[in-house]
């Protein structure tokens, strides 16, 4: 993990297309960032990102189950055609 120190108004870049600027620090604990990124780059708070990942894994598991079910049904039909 890289650790950076920035003051209000200072920025850093992530790659070529993402700029992060410190906008405010409140009560010495809460930091507000401004993030400039292309529209196609998703930017989420960590708890939202984790929720999306869990939902994607759950949907992927359902799709795997559905694919296995279809494959099993397809194989059963093929055996009846012999």
C-alpha atoms as a PDB file:
ATOM      1  CA  UNK A   1       0.000   0.000   0.000  1.00  0.00           C
ATOM      2  CA  UNK A   2       1.268   3.438  -0.886  1.00  0.00           C
ATOM      3  CA  UNK A   3       0.694   6.156   1.712  1.00  0.00           C
ATOM      4  CA  UNK A   4       0.543   9.777   0.570  1.00  0.00           C
ATOM      5  CA  UNK A   5       0.340  13.026   2.491  1.00  0.00           C
ATOM      6  CA  UNK A   6      -1.636  15.768   0.800  1.00  0.00           C
ATOM      7  CA  UNK A   7      -2.964  19.094   2.017  1.00  0.00           C
ATOM      8  CA  UNK A   8      -6.289  20.669   1.119  1.00  0.00           C
ATOM      9  CA  UNK A   9      -6.212  21.612  -2.558  1.00  0.00           C
ATOM     10  CA  UNK A  10      -3.397  19.193  -3.410  1.00  0.00           C
ATOM     11  CA  UNK A  11      -3.927  16.323  -5.835  1.00  0.00           C
ATOM     12  CA  UNK A  12      -2.477  13.069  -7.059  1.00  0.00           C
ATOM     13  CA  UNK A  13      -3.045  11.007 -10.183  1.00  0.00           C
ATOM     14  CA  UNK A  14      -3.951   7.350 -10.571  1.00  0.00           C
ATOM     15  CA  UNK A  15      -2.701   6.379 -13.985  1.00  0.00           C
ATOM     16  CA  UNK A  16      -3.216   8.816 -16.823  1.00  0.00           C
ATOM     17  CA  UNK A  17      -6.934   9.489 -16.463  1.00  0.00           C
ATOM     18  CA  UNK A  18      -7.815   9.751 -12.765  1.00  0.00           C
ATOM     19  CA  UNK A  19      -7.097  12.784 -10.598  1.00  0.00           C
ATOM     20  CA  UNK A  20      -7.864  12.831  -6.865  1.00  0.00           C
ATOM     21  CA  UNK A  21      -7.921  16.170  -5.002  1.00  0.00           C
ATOM     22  CA  UNK A  22      -8.223  16.711  -1.251  1.00  0.00           C
ATOM     23  CA  UNK A  23     -11.140  19.117  -0.847  1.00  0.00           C
ATOM     24  CA  UNK A  24     -11.583  19.320   2.914  1.00  0.00           C
ATOM     25  CA  UNK A  25     -10.559  17.772   6.222  1.00  0.00           C
ATOM     26  CA  UNK A  26     -13.118  18.027   9.015  1.00  0.00           C
ATOM     27  CA  UNK A  27     -12.460  17.443  12.698  1.00  0.00           C
ATOM     28  CA  UNK A  28      -9.069  16.001  11.766  1.00  0.00           C
ATOM     29  CA  UNK A  29     -10.710  12.712  10.772  1.00  0.00           C
ATOM     30  CA  UNK A  30     -13.051  13.141   7.816  1.00  0.00           C
ATOM     31  CA  UNK A  31     -11.472  13.764   4.443  1.00  0.00           C
ATOM     32  CA  UNK A  32     -13.442  14.891   1.385  1.00  0.00           C
ATOM     33  CA  UNK A  33     -11.982  14.030  -1.998  1.00  0.00           C
ATOM     34  CA  UNK A  34     -12.836  15.222  -5.463  1.00  0.00           C
ATOM     35  CA  UNK A  35     -12.312  12.560  -8.118  1.00  0.00           C
ATOM     36  CA  UNK A  36     -11.996  13.348 -11.810  1.00  0.00           C
ATOM     37  CA  UNK A  37     -12.285  10.201 -13.919  1.00  0.00           C
ATOM     38  CA  UNK A  38     -13.618   9.241 -17.340  1.00  0.00           C
ATOM     39  CA  UNK A  39     -17.318   8.364 -17.349  1.00  0.00           C
ATOM     40  CA  UNK A  40     -16.525   4.717 -18.120  1.00  0.00           C
ATOM     41  CA  UNK A  41     -14.467   4.342 -14.909  1.00  0.00           C
ATOM     42  CA  UNK A  42     -16.733   3.334 -12.025  1.00  0.00           C
ATOM     43  CA  UNK A  43     -16.023   5.093  -8.714  1.00  0.00           C
ATOM     44  CA  UNK A  44     -17.667   3.590  -5.628  1.00  0.00           C
ATOM     45  CA  UNK A  45     -17.280   3.799  -1.868  1.00  0.00           C
ATOM     46  CA  UNK A  46     -15.744   0.551  -0.582  1.00  0.00           C
ATOM     47  CA  UNK A  47     -18.960  -0.700   1.033  1.00  0.00           C
ATOM     48  CA  UNK A  48     -20.831  -0.226  -2.259  1.00  0.00           C
ATOM     49  CA  UNK A  49     -18.033  -1.895  -4.230  1.00  0.00           C
ATOM     50  CA  UNK A  50     -18.097  -4.903  -1.873  1.00  0.00           C
ATOM     51  CA  UNK A  51     -21.898  -5.148  -2.215  1.00  0.00           C
ATOM     52  CA  UNK A  52     -21.604  -5.120  -6.020  1.00  0.00           C
ATOM     53  CA  UNK A  53     -18.918  -7.824  -5.867  1.00  0.00           C
ATOM     54  CA  UNK A  54     -21.075 -10.046  -3.600  1.00  0.00           C
ATOM     55  CA  UNK A  55     -24.074  -9.627  -5.902  1.00  0.00           C
ATOM     56  CA  UNK A  56     -21.948 -10.403  -8.960  1.00  0.00           C
ATOM     57  CA  UNK A  57     -20.592 -13.572  -7.319  1.00  0.00           C
ATOM     58  CA  UNK A  58     -24.125 -14.628  -6.345  1.00  0.00           C
ATOM     59  CA  UNK A  59     -25.386 -13.985  -9.880  1.00  0.00           C
ATOM     60  CA  UNK A  60     -22.382 -15.824 -11.313  1.00  0.00           C
ATOM     61  CA  UNK A  61     -23.151 -18.805  -9.091  1.00  0.00           C
ATOM     62  CA  UNK A  62     -26.730 -18.798 -10.321  1.00  0.00           C
ATOM     63  CA  UNK A  63     -25.520 -18.605 -13.912  1.00  0.00           C
ATOM     64  CA  UNK A  64     -23.094 -21.506 -13.312  1.00  0.00           C
ATOM     65  CA  UNK A  65     -25.958 -23.559 -11.866  1.00  0.00           C
ATOM     66  CA  UNK A  66     -28.196 -22.655 -14.824  1.00  0.00           C
ATOM     67  CA  UNK A  67     -25.451 -23.564 -17.316  1.00  0.00           C
ATOM     68  CA  UNK A  68     -24.876 -26.929 -15.602  1.00  0.00           C
ATOM     69  CA  UNK A  69     -28.631 -27.580 -15.606  1.00  0.00           C
ATOM     70  CA  UNK A  70     -28.892 -26.763 -19.322  1.00  0.00           C
ATOM     71  CA  UNK A  71     -25.858 -28.910 -20.075  1.00  0.00           C
ATOM     72  CA  UNK A  72     -27.325 -31.835 -18.132  1.00  0.00           C
ATOM     73  CA  UNK A  73     -30.676 -31.478 -19.906  1.00  0.00           C
ATOM     74  CA  UNK A  74     -28.931 -31.224 -23.281  1.00  0.00           C
ATOM     75  CA  UNK A  75     -26.918 -34.367 -22.588  1.00  0.00           C
ATOM     76  CA  UNK A  76     -30.055 -36.214 -21.496  1.00  0.00           C
ATOM     77  CA  UNK A  77     -31.816 -35.262 -24.723  1.00  0.00           C
ATOM     78  CA  UNK A  78     -28.826 -36.338 -26.790  1.00  0.00           C
ATOM     79  CA  UNK A  79     -28.870 -39.768 -25.130  1.00  0.00           C
ATOM     80  CA  UNK A  80     -32.554 -40.188 -26.047  1.00  0.00           C
ATOM     81  CA  UNK A  81     -31.793 -39.443 -29.713  1.00  0.00           C
ATOM     82  CA  UNK A  82     -29.373 -42.402 -29.997  1.00  0.00           C
END
